[in-house]
Amino acid sequence: MGDHCEQTMRRLSTYIDRELSESEVKKVKAHLDDCPPCEQVFDFQAEMKRLVRKECCTHDAPSRLLEWVRQLATEKPKPAR
């Protein structure tokens, strides 16, 4: 994994959440367009987030699952190795 890939992976979550500046969005998007492995990671994470939102953000989800998702959402991310 190259330096550009590592930088992109660090920004991926905030990219998916649309929390980056316009210039950062352009950098991440340009890298994803040129790097199929990073694009696959992005696709996976974006789909996972969509599924969690769809399945867990309803009143039908079990309370333990809702609590677990809330806990994950508020935890500080672990540093990349």
PDB file of N, CA and C in Angstrom:
ATOM      1  N   MET A   1       0.859  -1.177   0.000  1.00  0.00           N
ATOM      2  CA  MET A   1       0.000   0.000   0.000  1.00  0.00           C
ATOM      3  C   MET A   1       0.898   1.229   0.000  1.00  0.00           C
ATOM      4  N   GLY A   2       0.694   2.090  -0.964  1.00  0.00           N
ATOM      5  CA  GLY A   2       1.497   3.295  -1.083  1.00  0.00           C
ATOM      6  C   GLY A   2       1.014   4.408  -0.175  1.00  0.00           C
ATOM      7  N   ASP A   3       1.774   5.490  -0.176  1.00  0.00           N
ATOM      8  CA  ASP A   3       1.457   6.648   0.662  1.00  0.00           C
ATOM      9  C   ASP A   3       0.093   7.246   0.319  1.00  0.00           C
ATOM     10  N   HIS A   4      -0.216   7.336  -0.981  1.00  0.00           N
ATOM     11  CA  HIS A   4      -1.514   7.887  -1.387  1.00  0.00           C
ATOM     12  C   HIS A   4      -2.661   6.995  -0.901  1.00  0.00           C
ATOM     13  N   CYS A   5      -2.444   5.691  -0.948  1.00  0.00           N
ATOM     14  CA  CYS A   5      -3.475   4.761  -0.454  1.00  0.00           C
ATOM     15  C   CYS A   5      -3.684   4.945   1.046  1.00  0.00           C
ATOM     16  N   GLU A   6      -2.598   5.057   1.791  1.00  0.00           N
ATOM     17  CA  GLU A   6      -2.711   5.230   3.245  1.00  0.00           C
ATOM     18  C   GLU A   6      -3.437   6.530   3.580  1.00  0.00           C
ATOM     19  N   GLN A   7      -3.104   7.606   2.866  1.00  0.00           N
ATOM     20  CA  GLN A   7      -3.779   8.882   3.100  1.00  0.00           C
ATOM     21  C   GLN A   7      -5.273   8.764   2.788  1.00  0.00           C
ATOM     22  N   THR A   8      -5.587   8.082   1.707  1.00  0.00           N
ATOM     23  CA  THR A   8      -6.989   7.902   1.322  1.00  0.00           C
ATOM     24  C   THR A   8      -7.728   7.074   2.364  1.00  0.00           C
ATOM     25  N   MET A   9      -7.113   5.995   2.841  1.00  0.00           N
ATOM     26  CA  MET A   9      -7.762   5.144   3.838  1.00  0.00           C
ATOM     27  C   MET A   9      -8.028   5.921   5.125  1.00  0.00           C
ATOM     28  N   ARG A  10      -7.125   6.823   5.499  1.00  0.00           N
ATOM     29  CA  ARG A  10      -7.343   7.628   6.707  1.00  0.00           C
ATOM     30  C   ARG A  10      -8.521   8.587   6.537  1.00  0.00           C
ATOM     31  N   ARG A  11      -8.776   9.024   5.310  1.00  0.00           N
ATOM     32  CA  ARG A  11      -9.857   9.983   5.051  1.00  0.00           C
ATOM     33  C   ARG A  11     -11.165   9.322   4.637  1.00  0.00           C
ATOM     34  N   LEU A  12     -11.162   8.022   4.445  1.00  0.00           N
ATOM     35  CA  LEU A  12     -12.309   7.357   3.846  1.00  0.00           C
ATOM     36  C   LEU A  12     -13.600   7.528   4.643  1.00  0.00           C
ATOM     37  N   SER A  13     -13.531   7.364   5.932  1.00  0.00           N
ATOM     38  CA  SER A  13     -14.733   7.475   6.752  1.00  0.00           C
ATOM     39  C   SER A  13     -15.322   8.886   6.672  1.00  0.00           C
ATOM     40  N   THR A  14     -14.461   9.886   6.770  1.00  0.00           N
ATOM     41  CA  THR A  14     -14.967  11.259   6.689  1.00  0.00           C
ATOM     42  C   THR A  14     -15.411  11.599   5.263  1.00  0.00           C
ATOM     43  N   TYR A  15     -14.822  10.956   4.278  1.00  0.00           N
ATOM     44  CA  TYR A  15     -15.263  11.118   2.886  1.00  0.00           C
ATOM     45  C   TYR A  15     -16.676  10.563   2.725  1.00  0.00           C
ATOM     46  N   ILE A  16     -16.895   9.357   3.235  1.00  0.00           N
ATOM     47  CA  ILE A  16     -18.210   8.720   3.150  1.00  0.00           C
ATOM     48  C   ILE A  16     -19.259   9.562   3.884  1.00  0.00           C
ATOM     49  N   ASP A  17     -18.863  10.134   5.007  1.00  0.00           N
ATOM     50  CA  ASP A  17     -19.788  10.949   5.807  1.00  0.00           C
ATOM     51  C   ASP A  17     -19.928  12.380   5.290  1.00  0.00           C
ATOM     52  N   ARG A  18     -19.217  12.694   4.203  1.00  0.00           N
ATOM     53  CA  ARG A  18     -19.253  14.029   3.588  1.00  0.00           C
ATOM     54  C   ARG A  18     -18.815  15.111   4.565  1.00  0.00           C
ATOM     55  N   GLU A  19     -17.713  14.829   5.267  1.00  0.00           N
ATOM     56  CA  GLU A  19     -17.200  15.771   6.254  1.00  0.00           C
ATOM     57  C   GLU A  19     -15.848  16.368   5.844  1.00  0.00           C
ATOM     58  N   LEU A  20     -15.449  16.189   4.596  1.00  0.00           N
ATOM     59  CA  LEU A  20     -14.181  16.727   4.122  1.00  0.00           C
ATOM     60  C   LEU A  20     -14.403  18.052   3.401  1.00  0.00           C
ATOM     61  N   SER A  21     -13.346  18.819   3.321  1.00  0.00           N
ATOM     62  CA  SER A  21     -13.407  20.053   2.535  1.00  0.00           C
ATOM     63  C   SER A  21     -13.498  19.680   1.054  1.00  0.00           C
ATOM     64  N   GLU A  22     -13.859  20.650   0.249  1.00  0.00           N
ATOM     65  CA  GLU A  22     -13.998  20.405  -1.185  1.00  0.00           C
ATOM     66  C   GLU A  22     -12.674  19.934  -1.805  1.00  0.00           C
ATOM     67  N   SER A  23     -11.570  20.528  -1.375  1.00  0.00           N
ATOM     68  CA  SER A  23     -10.278  20.125  -1.943  1.00  0.00           C
ATOM     69  C   SER A  23      -9.901  18.703  -1.521  1.00  0.00           C
ATOM     70  N   GLU A  24     -10.216  18.325  -0.285  1.00  0.00           N
ATOM     71  CA  GLU A  24      -9.938  16.960   0.167  1.00  0.00           C
ATOM     72  C   GLU A  24     -10.818  15.956  -0.567  1.00  0.00           C
ATOM     73  N   VAL A  25     -12.066  16.310  -0.803  1.00  0.00           N
ATOM     74  CA  VAL A  25     -12.974  15.435  -1.548  1.00  0.00           C
ATOM     75  C   VAL A  25     -12.402  15.159  -2.931  1.00  0.00           C
ATOM     76  N   LYS A  26     -11.912  16.200  -3.589  1.00  0.00           N
ATOM     77  CA  LYS A  26     -11.341  16.039  -4.924  1.00  0.00           C
ATOM     78  C   LYS A  26     -10.142  15.091  -4.901  1.00  0.00           C
ATOM     79  N   LYS A  27      -9.284  15.228  -3.878  1.00  0.00           N
ATOM     80  CA  LYS A  27      -8.104  14.356  -3.774  1.00  0.00           C
ATOM     81  C   LYS A  27      -8.515  12.900  -3.574  1.00  0.00           C
ATOM     82  N   VAL A  28      -9.448  12.668  -2.648  1.00  0.00           N
ATOM     83  CA  VAL A  28      -9.887  11.299  -2.373  1.00  0.00           C
ATOM     84  C   VAL A  28     -10.562  10.711  -3.604  1.00  0.00           C
ATOM     85  N   LYS A  29     -11.451  11.482  -4.221  1.00  0.00           N
ATOM     86  CA  LYS A  29     -12.157  10.987  -5.403  1.00  0.00           C
ATOM     87  C   LYS A  29     -11.181  10.666  -6.531  1.00  0.00           C
ATOM     88  N   ALA A  30     -10.211  11.527  -6.754  1.00  0.00           N
ATOM     89  CA  ALA A  30      -9.221  11.286  -7.808  1.00  0.00           C
ATOM     90  C   ALA A  30      -8.446  10.000  -7.525  1.00  0.00           C
ATOM     91  N   HIS A  31      -8.084   9.782  -6.275  1.00  0.00           N
ATOM     92  CA  HIS A  31      -7.358   8.558  -5.939  1.00  0.00           C
ATOM     93  C   HIS A  31      -8.241   7.331  -6.136  1.00  0.00           C
ATOM     94  N   LEU A  32      -9.480   7.400  -5.673  1.00  0.00           N
ATOM     95  CA  LEU A  32     -10.390   6.262  -5.825  1.00  0.00           C
ATOM     96  C   LEU A  32     -10.630   5.941  -7.293  1.00  0.00           C
ATOM     97  N   ASP A  33     -10.710   6.965  -8.127  1.00  0.00           N
ATOM     98  CA  ASP A  33     -10.918   6.750  -9.562  1.00  0.00           C
ATOM     99  C   ASP A  33      -9.735   6.032 -10.208  1.00  0.00           C
ATOM    100  N   ASP A  34      -8.534   6.215  -9.648  1.00  0.00           N
ATOM    101  CA  ASP A  34      -7.318   5.636 -10.230  1.00  0.00           C
ATOM    102  C   ASP A  34      -6.798   4.404  -9.507  1.00  0.00           C
ATOM    103  N   CYS A  35      -7.440   4.008  -8.412  1.00  0.00           N
ATOM    104  CA  CYS A  35      -6.906   2.905  -7.602  1.00  0.00           C
ATOM    105  C   CYS A  35      -8.019   1.896  -7.286  1.00  0.00           C
ATOM    106  N   PRO A  36      -8.161   0.855  -8.111  1.00  0.00           N
ATOM    107  CA  PRO A  36      -9.219  -0.131  -7.885  1.00  0.00           C
ATOM    108  C   PRO A  36      -9.216  -0.770  -6.487  1.00  0.00           C
ATOM    109  N   PRO A  37      -8.065  -1.092  -5.874  1.00  0.00           N
ATOM    110  CA  PRO A  37      -8.122  -1.667  -4.523  1.00  0.00           C
ATOM    111  C   PRO A  37      -8.738  -0.705  -3.499  1.00  0.00           C
ATOM    112  N   CYS A  38      -8.369   0.565  -3.567  1.00  0.00           N
ATOM    113  CA  CYS A  38      -8.955   1.535  -2.634  1.00  0.00           C
ATOM    114  C   CYS A  38     -10.436   1.756  -2.937  1.00  0.00           C
ATOM    115  N   GLU A  39     -10.779   1.733  -4.212  1.00  0.00           N
ATOM    116  CA  GLU A  39     -12.184   1.875  -4.595  1.00  0.00           C
ATOM    117  C   GLU A  39     -13.012   0.714  -4.040  1.00  0.00           C
ATOM    118  N   GLN A  40     -12.447  -0.480  -4.022  1.00  0.00           N
ATOM    119  CA  GLN A  40     -13.161  -1.635  -3.457  1.00  0.00           C
ATOM    120  C   GLN A  40     -13.385  -1.456  -1.961  1.00  0.00           C
ATOM    121  N   VAL A  41     -12.384  -0.943  -1.263  1.00  0.00           N
ATOM    122  CA  VAL A  41     -12.541  -0.682   0.174  1.00  0.00           C
ATOM    123  C   VAL A  41     -13.631   0.359   0.382  1.00  0.00           C
ATOM    124  N   PHE A  42     -13.598   1.415  -0.418  1.00  0.00           N
ATOM    125  CA  PHE A  42     -14.627   2.448  -0.331  1.00  0.00           C
ATOM    126  C   PHE A  42     -16.015   1.860  -0.568  1.00  0.00           C
ATOM    127  N   ASP A  43     -16.156   1.086  -1.636  1.00  0.00           N
ATOM    128  CA  ASP A  43     -17.459   0.483  -1.955  1.00  0.00           C
ATOM    129  C   ASP A  43     -17.962  -0.376  -0.803  1.00  0.00           C
ATOM    130  N   PHE A  44     -17.063  -1.165  -0.215  1.00  0.00           N
ATOM    131  CA  PHE A  44     -17.441  -2.030   0.901  1.00  0.00           C
ATOM    132  C   PHE A  44     -17.891  -1.193   2.095  1.00  0.00           C
ATOM    133  N   GLN A  45     -17.089  -0.190   2.469  1.00  0.00           N
ATOM    134  CA  GLN A  45     -17.426   0.618   3.643  1.00  0.00           C
ATOM    135  C   GLN A  45     -18.707   1.422   3.428  1.00  0.00           C
ATOM    136  N   ALA A  46     -18.885   1.952   2.231  1.00  0.00           N
ATOM    137  CA  ALA A  46     -20.097   2.719   1.947  1.00  0.00           C
ATOM    138  C   ALA A  46     -21.334   1.819   2.010  1.00  0.00           C
ATOM    139  N   GLU A  47     -21.221   0.611   1.450  1.00  0.00           N
ATOM    140  CA  GLU A  47     -22.350  -0.330   1.492  1.00  0.00           C
ATOM    141  C   GLU A  47     -22.626  -0.779   2.926  1.00  0.00           C
ATOM    142  N   MET A  48     -21.581  -1.020   3.697  1.00  0.00           N
ATOM    143  CA  MET A  48     -21.755  -1.420   5.099  1.00  0.00           C
ATOM    144  C   MET A  48     -22.474  -0.315   5.868  1.00  0.00           C
ATOM    145  N   LYS A  49     -22.065   0.914   5.659  1.00  0.00           N
ATOM    146  CA  LYS A  49     -22.712   2.027   6.342  1.00  0.00           C
ATOM    147  C   LYS A  49     -24.181   2.136   5.922  1.00  0.00           C
ATOM    148  N   ARG A  50     -24.453   1.951   4.638  1.00  0.00           N
ATOM    149  CA  ARG A  50     -25.828   2.007   4.149  1.00  0.00           C
ATOM    150  C   ARG A  50     -26.675   0.923   4.798  1.00  0.00           C
ATOM    151  N   LEU A  51     -26.124  -0.292   4.877  1.00  0.00           N
ATOM    152  CA  LEU A  51     -26.870  -1.403   5.480  1.00  0.00           C
ATOM    153  C   LEU A  51     -27.107  -1.185   6.967  1.00  0.00           C
ATOM    154  N   VAL A  52     -26.098  -0.697   7.665  1.00  0.00           N
ATOM    155  CA  VAL A  52     -26.262  -0.428   9.093  1.00  0.00           C
ATOM    156  C   VAL A  52     -27.347   0.619   9.292  1.00  0.00           C
ATOM    157  N   ARG A  53     -27.291   1.668   8.491  1.00  0.00           N
ATOM    158  CA  ARG A  53     -28.303   2.728   8.599  1.00  0.00           C
ATOM    159  C   ARG A  53     -29.693   2.162   8.317  1.00  0.00           C
ATOM    160  N   LYS A  54     -29.792   1.342   7.287  1.00  0.00           N
ATOM    161  CA  LYS A  54     -31.097   0.779   6.902  1.00  0.00           C
ATOM    162  C   LYS A  54     -31.634  -0.184   7.952  1.00  0.00           C
ATOM    163  N   GLU A  55     -30.770  -1.072   8.451  1.00  0.00           N
ATOM    164  CA  GLU A  55     -31.226  -2.134   9.344  1.00  0.00           C
ATOM    165  C   GLU A  55     -31.247  -1.742  10.815  1.00  0.00           C
ATOM    166  N   CYS A  56     -30.406  -0.811  11.191  1.00  0.00           N
ATOM    167  CA  CYS A  56     -30.267  -0.500  12.614  1.00  0.00           C
ATOM    168  C   CYS A  56     -30.941   0.798  13.028  1.00  0.00           C
ATOM    169  N   CYS A  57     -31.288   1.603  12.104  1.00  0.00           N
ATOM    170  CA  CYS A  57     -31.869   2.899  12.436  1.00  0.00           C
ATOM    171  C   CYS A  57     -33.382   2.876  12.302  1.00  0.00           C
ATOM    172  N   THR A  58     -33.947   1.757  12.672  1.00  0.00           N
ATOM    173  CA  THR A  58     -35.398   1.632  12.690  1.00  0.00           C
ATOM    174  C   THR A  58     -35.800   1.171  14.077  1.00  0.00           C
ATOM    175  N   HIS A  59     -37.042   1.263  14.353  1.00  0.00           N
ATOM    176  CA  HIS A  59     -37.528   0.796  15.654  1.00  0.00           C
ATOM    177  C   HIS A  59     -37.658  -0.722  15.690  1.00  0.00           C
ATOM    178  N   ASP A  60     -37.462  -1.379  14.541  1.00  0.00           N
ATOM    179  CA  ASP A  60     -37.554  -2.823  14.479  1.00  0.00           C
ATOM    180  C   ASP A  60     -36.270  -3.521  14.925  1.00  0.00           C
ATOM    181  N   ALA A  61     -35.160  -2.801  14.955  1.00  0.00           N
ATOM    182  CA  ALA A  61     -33.889  -3.407  15.332  1.00  0.00           C
ATOM    183  C   ALA A  61     -33.901  -3.727  16.830  1.00  0.00           C
ATOM    184  N   PRO A  62     -33.277  -4.848  17.218  1.00  0.00           N
ATOM    185  CA  PRO A  62     -33.205  -5.190  18.648  1.00  0.00           C
ATOM    186  C   PRO A  62     -32.448  -4.112  19.423  1.00  0.00           C
ATOM    187  N   SER A  63     -32.857  -3.868  20.632  1.00  0.00           N
ATOM    188  CA  SER A  63     -32.250  -2.801  21.431  1.00  0.00           C
ATOM    189  C   SER A  63     -30.748  -3.033  21.648  1.00  0.00           C
ATOM    190  N   ARG A  64     -30.334  -4.299  21.815  1.00  0.00           N
ATOM    191  CA  ARG A  64     -28.896  -4.575  21.981  1.00  0.00           C
ATOM    192  C   ARG A  64     -28.113  -4.158  20.746  1.00  0.00           C
ATOM    193  N   LEU A  65     -28.661  -4.394  19.571  1.00  0.00           N
ATOM    194  CA  LEU A  65     -27.995  -4.010  18.331  1.00  0.00           C
ATOM    195  C   LEU A  65     -27.914  -2.493  18.212  1.00  0.00           C
ATOM    196  N   LEU A  66     -29.005  -1.817  18.518  1.00  0.00           N
ATOM    197  CA  LEU A  66     -29.008  -0.365  18.465  1.00  0.00           C
ATOM    198  C   LEU A  66     -27.958   0.215  19.410  1.00  0.00           C
ATOM    199  N   GLU A  67     -27.881  -0.313  20.608  1.00  0.00           N
ATOM    200  CA  GLU A  67     -26.906   0.170  21.586  1.00  0.00           C
ATOM    201  C   GLU A  67     -25.480  -0.091  21.115  1.00  0.00           C
ATOM    202  N   TRP A  68     -25.223  -1.253  20.541  1.00  0.00           N
ATOM    203  CA  TRP A  68     -23.896  -1.593  20.033  1.00  0.00           C
ATOM    204  C   TRP A  68     -23.481  -0.640  18.913  1.00  0.00           C
ATOM    205  N   VAL A  69     -24.398  -0.349  18.003  1.00  0.00           N
ATOM    206  CA  VAL A  69     -24.105   0.567  16.895  1.00  0.00           C
ATOM    207  C   VAL A  69     -23.849   1.974  17.430  1.00  0.00           C
ATOM    208  N   ARG A  70     -24.645   2.416  18.389  1.00  0.00           N
ATOM    209  CA  ARG A  70     -24.426   3.741  18.984  1.00  0.00           C
ATOM    210  C   ARG A  70     -23.060   3.811  19.653  1.00  0.00           C
ATOM    211  N   GLN A  71     -22.682   2.750  20.335  1.00  0.00           N
ATOM    212  CA  GLN A  71     -21.378   2.707  21.000  1.00  0.00           C
ATOM    213  C   GLN A  71     -20.252   2.773  19.966  1.00  0.00           C
ATOM    214  N   LEU A  72     -20.361   2.006  18.898  1.00  0.00           N
ATOM    215  CA  LEU A  72     -19.346   2.045  17.839  1.00  0.00           C
ATOM    216  C   LEU A  72     -19.244   3.432  17.214  1.00  0.00           C
ATOM    217  N   ALA A  73     -20.369   4.069  17.043  1.00  0.00           N
ATOM    218  CA  ALA A  73     -20.388   5.378  16.391  1.00  0.00           C
ATOM    219  C   ALA A  73     -19.717   6.452  17.238  1.00  0.00           C
ATOM    220  N   THR A  74     -19.697   6.271  18.555  1.00  0.00           N
ATOM    221  CA  THR A  74     -19.113   7.292  19.422  1.00  0.00           C
ATOM    222  C   THR A  74     -17.686   6.982  19.832  1.00  0.00           C
ATOM    223  N   GLU A  75     -17.202   5.775  19.533  1.00  0.00           N
ATOM    224  CA  GLU A  75     -15.822   5.423  19.875  1.00  0.00           C
ATOM    225  C   GLU A  75     -14.841   6.174  18.995  1.00  0.00           C
ATOM    226  N   LYS A  76     -13.683   6.457  19.573  1.00  0.00           N
ATOM    227  CA  LYS A  76     -12.612   7.059  18.802  1.00  0.00           C
ATOM    228  C   LYS A  76     -11.988   5.997  17.915  1.00  0.00           C
ATOM    229  N   PRO A  77     -11.727   6.307  16.642  1.00  0.00           N
ATOM    230  CA  PRO A  77     -11.119   5.300  15.760  1.00  0.00           C
ATOM    231  C   PRO A  77      -9.723   4.914  16.247  1.00  0.00           C
ATOM    232  N   LYS A  78      -9.408   3.651  16.076  1.00  0.00           N
ATOM    233  CA  LYS A  78      -8.081   3.152  16.446  1.00  0.00           C
ATOM    234  C   LYS A  78      -7.103   3.544  15.356  1.00  0.00           C
ATOM    235  N   PRO A  79      -5.871   3.896  15.744  1.00  0.00           N
ATOM    236  CA  PRO A  79      -4.882   4.278  14.733  1.00  0.00           C
ATOM    237  C   PRO A  79      -4.590   3.116  13.773  1.00  0.00           C
ATOM    238  N   ALA A  80      -4.357   3.468  12.524  1.00  0.00           N
ATOM    239  CA  ALA A  80      -4.004   2.448  11.523  1.00  0.00           C
ATOM    240  C   ALA A  80      -2.614   1.919  11.816  1.00  0.00           C
ATOM    241  N   ARG A  81      -2.413   0.657  11.519  1.00  0.00           N
ATOM    242  CA  ARG A  81      -1.098   0.059  11.783  1.00  0.00           C
ATOM    243  C   ARG A  81      -0.187   0.208  10.611  1.00  0.00           C
TER     244      ARG A  81
END
